[in-house]
C-alpha atoms as a PDB file:
ATOM      1  CA  GLY A   1       4.985  19.574   9.938  1.00  0.00           C
ATOM      2  CA  VAL A   2       3.523  16.851   8.518  1.00  0.00           C
ATOM      3  CA  ASP A   3       5.006  15.498   5.590  1.00  0.00           C
ATOM      4  CA  TYR A   4       3.525  12.744   5.051  1.00  0.00           C
ATOM      5  CA  ALA A   5       0.276  10.378   5.679  1.00  0.00           C
ATOM      6  CA  THR A   6      -0.170   6.838   5.868  1.00  0.00           C
ATOM      7  CA  LEU A   7      -4.108   5.386   5.275  1.00  0.00           C
ATOM      8  CA  SER A   8      -5.359   2.023   5.604  1.00  0.00           C
ATOM      9  CA  PRO A   9      -6.852  -0.351   5.176  1.00  0.00           C
ATOM     10  CA  VAL A  10      -6.915   0.363   1.567  1.00  0.00           C
ATOM     11  CA  PHE A  11      -8.095  -3.502   1.152  1.00  0.00           C
ATOM     12  CA  PRO A  12      -9.757  -5.454   3.784  1.00  0.00           C
ATOM     13  CA  THR A  13      -6.727  -7.651   5.144  1.00  0.00           C
ATOM     14  CA  PRO A  14      -6.575  -9.845   9.171  1.00  0.00           C
ATOM     15  CA  SER A  15      -3.784  -7.447  10.778  1.00  0.00           C
ATOM     16  CA  LYS A  16      -6.184  -5.048  10.875  1.00  0.00           C
ATOM     17  CA  PRO A  17      -9.805  -6.176  11.371  1.00  0.00           C
ATOM     18  CA  GLY A  18     -11.141  -3.593  14.080  1.00  0.00           C
ATOM     19  CA  TYR A  19     -10.579  -0.102  12.094  1.00  0.00           C
ATOM     20  CA  GLY A  20     -13.523  -0.592   9.671  1.00  0.00           C
ATOM     21  CA  PRO A  21     -14.302  -1.528   6.130  1.00  0.00           C
ATOM     22  CA  ALA A  22     -11.345  -0.973   3.571  1.00  0.00           C
ATOM     23  CA  LEU A  23     -11.335   2.077   1.584  1.00  0.00           C
ATOM     24  CA  GLY A  24     -10.707   0.484  -1.618  1.00  0.00           C
ATOM     25  CA  LEU A  25      -9.069   2.415  -4.376  1.00  0.00           C
ATOM     26  CA  ASP A  26     -11.605   5.051  -5.363  1.00  0.00           C
ATOM     27  CA  GLY A  27     -11.115   6.036  -1.306  1.00  0.00           C
ATOM     28  CA  LEU A  28      -7.213   5.907  -2.145  1.00  0.00           C
ATOM     29  CA  ALA A  29      -7.467   7.917  -4.018  1.00  0.00           C
ATOM     30  CA  ALA A  30     -10.441  10.760  -2.961  1.00  0.00           C
ATOM     31  CA  ALA A  31      -8.119  11.275  -0.066  1.00  0.00           C
ATOM     32  CA  VAL A  32      -4.945  11.676  -2.220  1.00  0.00           C
ATOM     33  CA  GLU A  33      -7.088  14.456  -4.018  1.00  0.00           C
ATOM     34  CA  ALA A  34      -8.382  16.095  -0.771  1.00  0.00           C
ATOM     35  CA  VAL A  35      -4.519  16.611   0.328  1.00  0.00           C
ATOM     36  CA  PRO A  36      -3.039  17.913  -2.787  1.00  0.00           C
ATOM     37  CA  ASP A  37      -0.034  19.086  -1.405  1.00  0.00           C
ATOM     38  CA  LEU A  38       0.252  15.902   1.438  1.00  0.00           C
ATOM     39  CA  PRO A  39       2.188  13.025   0.242  1.00  0.00           C
ATOM     40  CA  VAL A  40      -0.338   9.342   1.141  1.00  0.00           C
ATOM     41  CA  VAL A  41       1.258   6.161   1.698  1.00  0.00           C
ATOM     42  CA  ALA A  42      -1.331   3.232   0.787  1.00  0.00           C
ATOM     43  CA  LEU A  43      -1.709   0.670   3.827  1.00  0.00           C
ATOM     44  CA  GLY A  44      -3.297  -2.308   4.462  1.00  0.00           C
ATOM     45  CA  GLY A  45      -3.990  -5.431   2.754  1.00  0.00           C
ATOM     46  CA  VAL A  46      -1.263  -4.183   0.203  1.00  0.00           C
ATOM     47  CA  THR A  47       0.603  -6.963  -1.811  1.00  0.00           C
ATOM     48  CA  PRO A  48       2.602  -7.688  -5.656  1.00  0.00           C
ATOM     49  CA  ASP A  49      -0.944  -7.943  -6.660  1.00  0.00           C
ATOM     50  CA  ASN A  50      -2.600  -5.015  -5.894  1.00  0.00           C
ATOM     51  CA  ALA A  51       0.656  -2.083  -4.804  1.00  0.00           C
ATOM     52  CA  ALA A  52       0.779  -0.730  -8.792  1.00  0.00           C
ATOM     53  CA  ALA A  53      -2.433   0.086  -8.687  1.00  0.00           C
ATOM     54  CA  CYS A  54      -1.905   1.702  -5.387  1.00  0.00           C
ATOM     55  CA  VAL A  55       0.201   4.223  -6.882  1.00  0.00           C
ATOM     56  CA  GLU A  56      -1.452   4.261 -10.237  1.00  0.00           C
ATOM     57  CA  ALA A  57      -4.540   5.310  -7.392  1.00  0.00           C
ATOM     58  CA  GLY A  58      -1.828   8.928  -6.382  1.00  0.00           C
ATOM     59  CA  ALA A  59      -0.433   7.127  -3.345  1.00  0.00           C
ATOM     60  CA  VAL A  60       3.837   8.252  -3.479  1.00  0.00           C
ATOM     61  CA  GLY A  61       3.962   4.075  -2.306  1.00  0.00           C
ATOM     62  CA  VAL A  62       3.057   1.390  -0.122  1.00  0.00           C
ATOM     63  CA  ALA A  63       3.471   0.792   3.495  1.00  0.00           C
ATOM     64  CA  VAL A  64       3.369  -2.981   3.768  1.00  0.00           C
ATOM     65  CA  MET A  65       3.525  -5.763   6.531  1.00  0.00           C
ATOM     66  CA  GLY A  66       1.064  -8.828   6.679  1.00  0.00           C
ATOM     67  CA  ALA A  67       1.830  -9.696   3.228  1.00  0.00           C
ATOM     68  CA  VAL A  68       5.817 -10.103   4.162  1.00  0.00           C
ATOM     69  CA  MET A  69       5.520 -11.245   7.621  1.00  0.00           C
ATOM     70  CA  ALA A  70       3.658 -13.581   6.721  1.00  0.00           C
ATOM     71  CA  ALA A  71       5.183 -15.171   3.991  1.00  0.00           C
ATOM     72  CA  PRO A  72       7.627 -18.643   3.933  1.00  0.00           C
ATOM     73  CA  ASP A  73       9.579 -16.828   1.970  1.00  0.00           C
ATOM     74  CA  PRO A  74       9.503 -12.494   2.542  1.00  0.00           C
ATOM     75  CA  TYR A  75      12.466 -12.112   0.143  1.00  0.00           C
ATOM     76  CA  THR A  76      10.362 -12.808  -2.609  1.00  0.00           C
ATOM     77  CA  VAL A  77       7.138 -10.791  -1.392  1.00  0.00           C
ATOM     78  CA  VAL A  78       9.607  -8.312  -1.283  1.00  0.00           C
ATOM     79  CA  ARG A  79      10.795  -8.804  -4.539  1.00  0.00           C
ATOM     80  CA  ASP A  80       7.830  -9.015  -6.155  1.00  0.00           C
ATOM     81  CA  LEU A  81       6.566  -5.890  -4.550  1.00  0.00           C
ATOM     82  CA  LEU A  82       9.713  -3.361  -6.115  1.00  0.00           C
ATOM     83  CA  PHE A  83       9.617  -5.125  -9.165  1.00  0.00           C
ATOM     84  CA  ALA A  84       5.405  -4.319  -9.059  1.00  0.00           C
ATOM     85  CA  LEU A  85       6.011  -1.158  -8.514  1.00  0.00           C
ATOM     86  CA  GLY A  86       8.674  -0.265 -11.158  1.00  0.00           C
ATOM     87  CA  GLU A  87      11.776  -0.553  -9.046  1.00  0.00           C
ATOM     88  CA  THR A  88      15.382  -2.892 -10.526  1.00  0.00           C
ATOM     89  CA  VAL A  89      15.456  -5.717  -8.178  1.00  0.00           C
ATOM     90  CA  LEU A  90      17.780  -8.771  -7.630  1.00  0.00           C
ATOM     91  CA  PRO A  91      16.926 -12.057  -8.527  1.00  0.00           C
END
């Protein structure tokens, strides 16, 4: 009974230095293909600049920690992430 899985780290990230090398978009796509009936959420090094690429690689969504927690303006990062994923956001 698993509803979804997170896959991490997709990109290099200072918050997960001990988890091995980043899988990259090819690794993400391969994992998604390996479990076609299980939604996969991309985690690790996700930013507004690469979030849409994760979805294009097959992830159902992204999970973000470091980019938001380390930002001087977390609201802007979240807004930009949502915008990158095609969500309608507030100014």
